[in-house]
C-alpha atoms as a PDB file:
ATOM      1  CA  UNK A   1    -128.664 -43.671 -42.452  1.00  0.00           C
ATOM      2  CA  UNK A   2    -128.745 -46.204 -46.006  1.00  0.00           C
ATOM      3  CA  UNK A   3    -132.042 -45.609 -48.243  1.00  0.00           C
ATOM      4  CA  UNK A   4    -130.830 -47.563 -51.255  1.00  0.00           C
ATOM      5  CA  UNK A   5    -128.361 -50.179 -51.594  1.00  0.00           C
ATOM      6  CA  UNK A   6    -126.971 -50.533 -55.608  1.00  0.00           C
ATOM      7  CA  UNK A   7    -126.027 -54.223 -56.523  1.00  0.00           C
ATOM      8  CA  UNK A   8    -123.681 -55.072 -59.456  1.00  0.00           C
ATOM      9  CA  UNK A   9    -125.373 -58.669 -60.572  1.00  0.00           C
ATOM     10  CA  UNK A  10    -122.499 -61.068 -62.003  1.00  0.00           C
ATOM     11  CA  UNK A  11    -120.079 -62.278 -59.275  1.00  0.00           C
ATOM     12  CA  UNK A  12    -121.902 -60.318 -57.086  1.00  0.00           C
ATOM     13  CA  UNK A  13    -125.525 -61.422 -56.418  1.00  0.00           C
ATOM     14  CA  UNK A  14    -124.926 -64.045 -58.751  1.00  0.00           C
ATOM     15  CA  UNK A  15    -121.779 -66.436 -58.401  1.00  0.00           C
ATOM     16  CA  UNK A  16    -120.418 -66.387 -61.787  1.00  0.00           C
ATOM     17  CA  UNK A  17    -120.831 -64.414 -65.141  1.00  0.00           C
ATOM     18  CA  UNK A  18    -124.137 -65.221 -66.648  1.00  0.00           C
ATOM     19  CA  UNK A  19    -122.645 -64.826 -70.254  1.00  0.00           C
ATOM     20  CA  UNK A  20    -119.904 -67.615 -69.123  1.00  0.00           C
ATOM     21  CA  UNK A  21    -122.564 -69.634 -68.072  1.00  0.00           C
ATOM     22  CA  UNK A  22    -124.464 -69.031 -71.517  1.00  0.00           C
ATOM     23  CA  UNK A  23    -121.163 -69.478 -73.486  1.00  0.00           C
ATOM     24  CA  UNK A  24    -120.432 -72.531 -71.966  1.00  0.00           C
ATOM     25  CA  UNK A  25    -123.398 -74.144 -72.782  1.00  0.00           C
ATOM     26  CA  UNK A  26    -122.873 -73.410 -76.363  1.00  0.00           C
ATOM     27  CA  UNK A  27    -119.448 -74.643 -76.349  1.00  0.00           C
ATOM     28  CA  UNK A  28    -117.552 -71.335 -76.663  1.00  0.00           C
ATOM     29  CA  UNK A  29    -116.960 -70.728 -73.167  1.00  0.00           C
ATOM     30  CA  UNK A  30    -113.449 -70.168 -73.269  1.00  0.00           C
ATOM     31  CA  UNK A  31    -113.266 -67.650 -75.726  1.00  0.00           C
ATOM     32  CA  UNK A  32    -115.513 -65.475 -74.234  1.00  0.00           C
ATOM     33  CA  UNK A  33    -114.291 -65.965 -70.484  1.00  0.00           C
ATOM     34  CA  UNK A  34    -111.165 -64.753 -71.830  1.00  0.00           C
ATOM     35  CA  UNK A  35    -112.632 -61.376 -72.831  1.00  0.00           C
ATOM     36  CA  UNK A  36    -115.065 -61.548 -69.802  1.00  0.00           C
ATOM     37  CA  UNK A  37    -111.973 -61.303 -67.528  1.00  0.00           C
ATOM     38  CA  UNK A  38    -109.964 -58.743 -69.222  1.00  0.00           C
ATOM     39  CA  UNK A  39    -113.071 -56.354 -68.942  1.00  0.00           C
ATOM     40  CA  UNK A  40    -113.758 -56.770 -65.861  1.00  0.00           C
ATOM     41  CA  UNK A  41    -109.895 -56.079 -64.796  1.00  0.00           C
ATOM     42  CA  UNK A  42    -110.386 -52.880 -66.815  1.00  0.00           C
ATOM     43  CA  UNK A  43    -108.446 -53.940 -69.697  1.00  0.00           C
ATOM     44  CA  UNK A  44    -110.991 -53.920 -72.569  1.00  0.00           C
ATOM     45  CA  UNK A  45    -113.838 -51.373 -73.269  1.00  0.00           C
ATOM     46  CA  UNK A  46    -116.647 -52.741 -71.272  1.00  0.00           C
ATOM     47  CA  UNK A  47    -119.192 -51.881 -74.711  1.00  0.00           C
ATOM     48  CA  UNK A  48    -116.683 -53.335 -77.083  1.00  0.00           C
ATOM     49  CA  UNK A  49    -116.176 -56.681 -75.247  1.00  0.00           C
ATOM     50  CA  UNK A  50    -119.795 -56.999 -74.470  1.00  0.00           C
ATOM     51  CA  UNK A  51    -120.079 -56.620 -78.082  1.00  0.00           C
ATOM     52  CA  UNK A  52    -117.799 -59.060 -79.127  1.00  0.00           C
ATOM     53  CA  UNK A  53    -118.668 -61.999 -76.637  1.00  0.00           C
ATOM     54  CA  UNK A  54    -122.617 -61.921 -77.342  1.00  0.00           C
ATOM     55  CA  UNK A  55    -121.826 -62.162 -80.813  1.00  0.00           C
ATOM     56  CA  UNK A  56    -119.839 -65.471 -80.122  1.00  0.00           C
ATOM     57  CA  UNK A  57    -123.323 -66.717 -79.003  1.00  0.00           C
ATOM     58  CA  UNK A  58    -125.252 -65.932 -82.657  1.00  0.00           C
ATOM     59  CA  UNK A  59    -127.351 -69.124 -83.239  1.00  0.00           C
ATOM     60  CA  UNK A  60    -127.653 -70.189 -79.700  1.00  0.00           C
ATOM     61  CA  UNK A  61    -131.204 -71.435 -79.235  1.00  0.00           C
ATOM     62  CA  UNK A  62    -133.844 -69.532 -77.054  1.00  0.00           C
ATOM     63  CA  UNK A  63    -134.794 -72.332 -75.215  1.00  0.00           C
ATOM     64  CA  UNK A  64    -131.500 -73.006 -74.163  1.00  0.00           C
ATOM     65  CA  UNK A  65    -130.996 -69.570 -72.932  1.00  0.00           C
ATOM     66  CA  UNK A  66    -133.943 -69.763 -70.826  1.00  0.00           C
ATOM     67  CA  UNK A  67    -132.785 -72.551 -69.464  1.00  0.00           C
ATOM     68  CA  UNK A  68    -129.523 -71.355 -68.413  1.00  0.00           C
ATOM     69  CA  UNK A  69    -130.889 -68.379 -66.685  1.00  0.00           C
ATOM     70  CA  UNK A  70    -133.329 -70.052 -64.547  1.00  0.00           C
ATOM     71  CA  UNK A  71    -130.560 -71.852 -62.870  1.00  0.00           C
ATOM     72  CA  UNK A  72    -128.061 -69.404 -61.943  1.00  0.00           C
ATOM     73  CA  UNK A  73    -126.507 -69.817 -59.002  1.00  0.00           C
ATOM     74  CA  UNK A  74    -126.896 -67.060 -56.541  1.00  0.00           C
ATOM     75  CA  UNK A  75    -124.260 -65.921 -54.323  1.00  0.00           C
ATOM     76  CA  UNK A  76    -123.630 -67.138 -50.584  1.00  0.00           C
ATOM     77  CA  UNK A  77    -125.658 -64.830 -48.507  1.00  0.00           C
ATOM     78  CA  UNK A  78    -127.773 -63.123 -50.908  1.00  0.00           C
ATOM     79  CA  UNK A  79    -131.099 -63.973 -49.779  1.00  0.00           C
ATOM     80  CA  UNK A  80    -130.102 -63.126 -46.272  1.00  0.00           C
ATOM     81  CA  UNK A  81    -128.171 -59.951 -46.750  1.00  0.00           C
ATOM     82  CA  UNK A  82    -131.705 -58.851 -49.208  1.00  0.00           C
ATOM     83  CA  UNK A  83    -134.006 -59.872 -46.543  1.00  0.00           C
ATOM     84  CA  UNK A  84    -132.160 -57.641 -43.965  1.00  0.00           C
ATOM     85  CA  UNK A  85    -131.963 -54.686 -45.921  1.00  0.00           C
ATOM     86  CA  UNK A  86    -135.650 -55.190 -46.813  1.00  0.00           C
ATOM     87  CA  UNK A  87    -136.384 -55.321 -43.099  1.00  0.00           C
ATOM     88  CA  UNK A  88    -134.465 -51.914 -42.770  1.00  0.00           C
ATOM     89  CA  UNK A  89    -136.901 -50.370 -45.496  1.00  0.00           C
ATOM     90  CA  UNK A  90    -133.822 -50.062 -47.660  1.00  0.00           C
ATOM     91  CA  UNK A  91    -134.667 -50.205 -51.466  1.00  0.00           C
ATOM     92  CA  UNK A  92    -132.545 -52.307 -53.564  1.00  0.00           C
ATOM     93  CA  UNK A  93    -132.149 -51.653 -57.105  1.00  0.00           C
ATOM     94  CA  UNK A  94    -129.646 -54.013 -59.502  1.00  0.00           C
ATOM     95  CA  UNK A  95    -127.167 -53.129 -62.141  1.00  0.00           C
ATOM     96  CA  UNK A  96    -126.116 -55.542 -64.868  1.00  0.00           C
ATOM     97  CA  UNK A  97    -124.186 -55.503 -67.461  1.00  0.00           C
ATOM     98  CA  UNK A  98    -125.329 -58.803 -68.352  1.00  0.00           C
ATOM     99  CA  UNK A  99    -128.797 -59.434 -69.054  1.00  0.00           C
ATOM    100  CA  UNK A 100    -132.645 -58.957 -68.027  1.00  0.00           C
ATOM    101  CA  UNK A 101    -133.151 -62.590 -69.215  1.00  0.00           C
ATOM    102  CA  UNK A 102    -131.337 -63.558 -66.165  1.00  0.00           C
ATOM    103  CA  UNK A 103    -131.911 -60.736 -63.462  1.00  0.00           C
ATOM    104  CA  UNK A 104    -135.530 -60.635 -63.798  1.00  0.00           C
ATOM    105  CA  UNK A 105    -135.511 -64.217 -62.949  1.00  0.00           C
ATOM    106  CA  UNK A 106    -133.937 -63.727 -59.931  1.00  0.00           C
ATOM    107  CA  UNK A 107    -135.727 -60.511 -59.227  1.00  0.00           C
ATOM    108  CA  UNK A 108    -138.480 -63.014 -58.312  1.00  0.00           C
ATOM    109  CA  UNK A 109    -136.220 -64.634 -55.526  1.00  0.00           C
ATOM    110  CA  UNK A 110    -134.843 -61.970 -53.739  1.00  0.00           C
ATOM    111  CA  UNK A 111    -137.348 -59.461 -54.114  1.00  0.00           C
ATOM    112  CA  UNK A 112    -135.405 -56.401 -55.328  1.00  0.00           C
ATOM    113  CA  UNK A 113    -136.918 -53.426 -56.484  1.00  0.00           C
ATOM    114  CA  UNK A 114    -135.656 -52.136 -59.862  1.00  0.00           C
ATOM    115  CA  UNK A 115    -133.264 -54.116 -62.282  1.00  0.00           C
ATOM    116  CA  UNK A 116    -131.659 -52.467 -65.331  1.00  0.00           C
ATOM    117  CA  UNK A 117    -129.386 -54.991 -67.640  1.00  0.00           C
ATOM    118  CA  UNK A 118    -129.132 -55.476 -71.390  1.00  0.00           C
ATOM    119  CA  UNK A 119    -131.256 -57.358 -73.708  1.00  0.00           C
ATOM    120  CA  UNK A 120    -130.022 -60.821 -76.048  1.00  0.00           C
ATOM    121  CA  UNK A 121    -131.703 -59.757 -79.699  1.00  0.00           C
ATOM    122  CA  UNK A 122    -133.739 -63.383 -80.860  1.00  0.00           C
ATOM    123  CA  UNK A 123    -135.406 -63.749 -83.813  1.00  0.00           C
ATOM    124  CA  UNK A 124    -137.172 -67.072 -84.832  1.00  0.00           C
ATOM    125  CA  UNK A 125    -135.854 -68.686 -81.558  1.00  0.00           C
ATOM    126  CA  UNK A 126    -132.606 -68.121 -81.810  1.00  0.00           C
ATOM    127  CA  UNK A 127    -130.152 -65.129 -80.663  1.00  0.00           C
ATOM    128  CA  UNK A 128    -128.539 -63.013 -83.453  1.00  0.00           C
ATOM    129  CA  UNK A 129    -125.552 -62.312 -81.780  1.00  0.00           C
ATOM    130  CA  UNK A 130    -126.509 -58.397 -80.973  1.00  0.00           C
ATOM    131  CA  UNK A 131    -127.456 -56.710 -78.042  1.00  0.00           C
ATOM    132  CA  UNK A 132    -128.917 -53.671 -76.571  1.00  0.00           C
ATOM    133  CA  UNK A 133    -130.448 -52.444 -73.601  1.00  0.00           C
ATOM    134  CA  UNK A 134    -129.531 -49.959 -70.310  1.00  0.00           C
ATOM    135  CA  UNK A 135    -126.111 -51.031 -69.235  1.00  0.00           C
ATOM    136  CA  UNK A 136    -124.137 -50.886 -72.229  1.00  0.00           C
ATOM    137  CA  UNK A 137    -120.820 -48.893 -71.479  1.00  0.00           C
ATOM    138  CA  UNK A 138    -118.685 -48.470 -68.312  1.00  0.00           C
ATOM    139  CA  UNK A 139    -120.357 -45.416 -67.148  1.00  0.00           C
ATOM    140  CA  UNK A 140    -123.973 -46.831 -67.481  1.00  0.00           C
ATOM    141  CA  UNK A 141    -124.557 -48.079 -63.903  1.00  0.00           C
ATOM    142  CA  UNK A 142    -122.975 -44.282 -62.583  1.00  0.00           C
ATOM    143  CA  UNK A 143    -125.308 -42.419 -65.211  1.00  0.00           C
ATOM    144  CA  UNK A 144    -128.614 -44.458 -64.257  1.00  0.00           C
ATOM    145  CA  UNK A 145    -127.735 -44.247 -60.201  1.00  0.00           C
ATOM    146  CA  UNK A 146    -127.163 -40.346 -60.752  1.00  0.00           C
ATOM    147  CA  UNK A 147    -130.571 -39.894 -62.736  1.00  0.00           C
ATOM    148  CA  UNK A 148    -132.538 -42.233 -59.872  1.00  0.00           C
ATOM    149  CA  UNK A 149    -130.536 -39.706 -57.144  1.00  0.00           C
ATOM    150  CA  UNK A 150    -132.704 -37.020 -58.361  1.00  0.00           C
ATOM    151  CA  UNK A 151    -135.880 -38.823 -58.523  1.00  0.00           C
ATOM    152  CA  UNK A 152    -135.891 -39.704 -55.236  1.00  0.00           C
ATOM    153  CA  UNK A 153    -134.350 -37.126 -53.619  1.00  0.00           C
ATOM    154  CA  UNK A 154    -131.614 -39.157 -52.118  1.00  0.00           C
ATOM    155  CA  UNK A 155    -128.056 -37.454 -50.830  1.00  0.00           C
ATOM    156  CA  UNK A 156    -124.716 -39.344 -51.827  1.00  0.00           C
ATOM    157  CA  UNK A 157    -124.406 -40.362 -48.309  1.00  0.00           C
ATOM    158  CA  UNK A 158    -128.185 -42.229 -48.247  1.00  0.00           C
ATOM    159  CA  UNK A 159    -126.797 -44.839 -50.756  1.00  0.00           C
ATOM    160  CA  UNK A 160    -124.279 -47.726 -50.947  1.00  0.00           C
ATOM    161  CA  UNK A 161    -123.060 -49.559 -53.452  1.00  0.00           C
ATOM    162  CA  UNK A 162    -121.970 -53.704 -53.604  1.00  0.00           C
ATOM    163  CA  UNK A 163    -119.685 -54.405 -57.058  1.00  0.00           C
ATOM    164  CA  UNK A 164    -116.666 -56.538 -57.903  1.00  0.00           C
ATOM    165  CA  UNK A 165    -115.430 -55.173 -61.546  1.00  0.00           C
ATOM    166  CA  UNK A 166    -114.398 -52.299 -63.516  1.00  0.00           C
ATOM    167  CA  UNK A 167    -118.072 -51.328 -64.939  1.00  0.00           C
ATOM    168  CA  UNK A 168    -118.971 -50.716 -60.934  1.00  0.00           C
ATOM    169  CA  UNK A 169    -116.506 -47.627 -60.776  1.00  0.00           C
ATOM    170  CA  UNK A 170    -119.137 -45.447 -61.538  1.00  0.00           C
ATOM    171  CA  UNK A 171    -121.262 -46.300 -59.844  1.00  0.00           C
ATOM    172  CA  UNK A 172    -119.173 -46.395 -56.740  1.00  0.00           C
ATOM    173  CA  UNK A 173    -118.613 -42.385 -57.738  1.00  0.00           C
ATOM    174  CA  UNK A 174    -122.166 -41.956 -56.855  1.00  0.00           C
ATOM    175  CA  UNK A 175    -122.171 -43.628 -53.191  1.00  0.00           C
ATOM    176  CA  UNK A 176    -122.037 -42.643 -50.009  1.00  0.00           C
ATOM    177  CA  UNK A 177    -120.447 -46.557 -48.776  1.00  0.00           C
ATOM    178  CA  UNK A 178    -118.653 -48.177 -51.169  1.00  0.00           C
ATOM    179  CA  UNK A 179    -118.910 -51.924 -50.845  1.00  0.00           C
ATOM    180  CA  UNK A 180    -115.626 -53.944 -53.079  1.00  0.00           C
ATOM    181  CA  UNK A 181    -117.113 -57.852 -52.632  1.00  0.00           C
ATOM    182  CA  UNK A 182    -114.393 -60.196 -53.983  1.00  0.00           C
ATOM    183  CA  UNK A 183    -113.112 -57.805 -56.228  1.00  0.00           C
ATOM    184  CA  UNK A 184    -110.742 -56.874 -58.874  1.00  0.00           C
ATOM    185  CA  UNK A 185    -107.890 -55.178 -57.980  1.00  0.00           C
ATOM    186  CA  UNK A 186    -109.193 -52.219 -59.735  1.00  0.00           C
ATOM    187  CA  UNK A 187    -112.118 -51.638 -57.716  1.00  0.00           C
ATOM    188  CA  UNK A 188    -110.592 -52.208 -55.007  1.00  0.00           C
ATOM    189  CA  UNK A 189    -109.009 -48.684 -55.372  1.00  0.00           C
ATOM    190  CA  UNK A 190    -112.230 -46.710 -54.853  1.00  0.00           C
ATOM    191  CA  UNK A 191    -114.022 -49.039 -52.076  1.00  0.00           C
ATOM    192  CA  UNK A 192    -114.306 -47.843 -48.772  1.00  0.00           C
ATOM    193  CA  UNK A 193    -114.250 -51.771 -47.329  1.00  0.00           C
ATOM    194  CA  UNK A 194    -113.019 -54.563 -49.478  1.00  0.00           C
ATOM    195  CA  UNK A 195    -114.737 -58.202 -48.360  1.00  0.00           C
ATOM    196  CA  UNK A 196    -112.826 -60.817 -49.532  1.00  0.00           C
ATOM    197  CA  UNK A 197    -114.522 -63.669 -48.256  1.00  0.00           C
ATOM    198  CA  UNK A 198    -117.149 -65.395 -50.845  1.00  0.00           C
ATOM    199  CA  UNK A 199    -120.225 -64.522 -48.359  1.00  0.00           C
ATOM    200  CA  UNK A 200    -122.488 -61.793 -48.670  1.00  0.00           C
ATOM    201  CA  UNK A 201    -123.479 -61.737 -44.948  1.00  0.00           C
ATOM    202  CA  UNK A 202    -120.269 -59.848 -44.242  1.00  0.00           C
ATOM    203  CA  UNK A 203    -121.510 -57.149 -45.526  1.00  0.00           C
ATOM    204  CA  UNK A 204    -124.621 -57.189 -42.506  1.00  0.00           C
ATOM    205  CA  UNK A 205    -122.064 -57.071 -40.283  1.00  0.00           C
ATOM    206  CA  UNK A 206    -120.194 -53.558 -41.895  1.00  0.00           C
ATOM    207  CA  UNK A 207    -123.562 -51.390 -41.937  1.00  0.00           C
ATOM    208  CA  UNK A 208    -125.363 -53.013 -38.808  1.00  0.00           C
END
């Protein structure tokens, strides 16, 4: 019986990559997206790619960041899937290599239980190009999930996860049911189930 579901955020619960959306608004979209794609395909170290991408946002007004994050598009079926999981008394946690500026606002809409992400450093109303937080490394999601399993006294079979990119591999290693959602090839190799239709409601069919 599944008691906990761990989700990736960008391109999983949210339709797109938060940093790409911020970069496009700040007119550095192409440069950032190129790095994002390589990182999600496992071609670049996640930590190094994150620092490199956030550095390109230096000088972006914090008001513009907040405006972008208030309008992040949810993935088709995100609301329905979260509602179904809650109806089954499944706890929902979200891991994001992106930012609390985004996931904290979405938490109000999807009502998930916990969220782990990074923070965009800002000073005097502008981004400094620095970043820090909980999901800075390739293995961050797995480390936190391992600790949560111990704290909540859950075994691996009681946990499912949903993700799409290379930095979800460590999370997959800690779960009994691993679902790759519209995922990169590198993650599909670790999955129990691969869903290529861009609709999270398809996951309900798998777990019912």
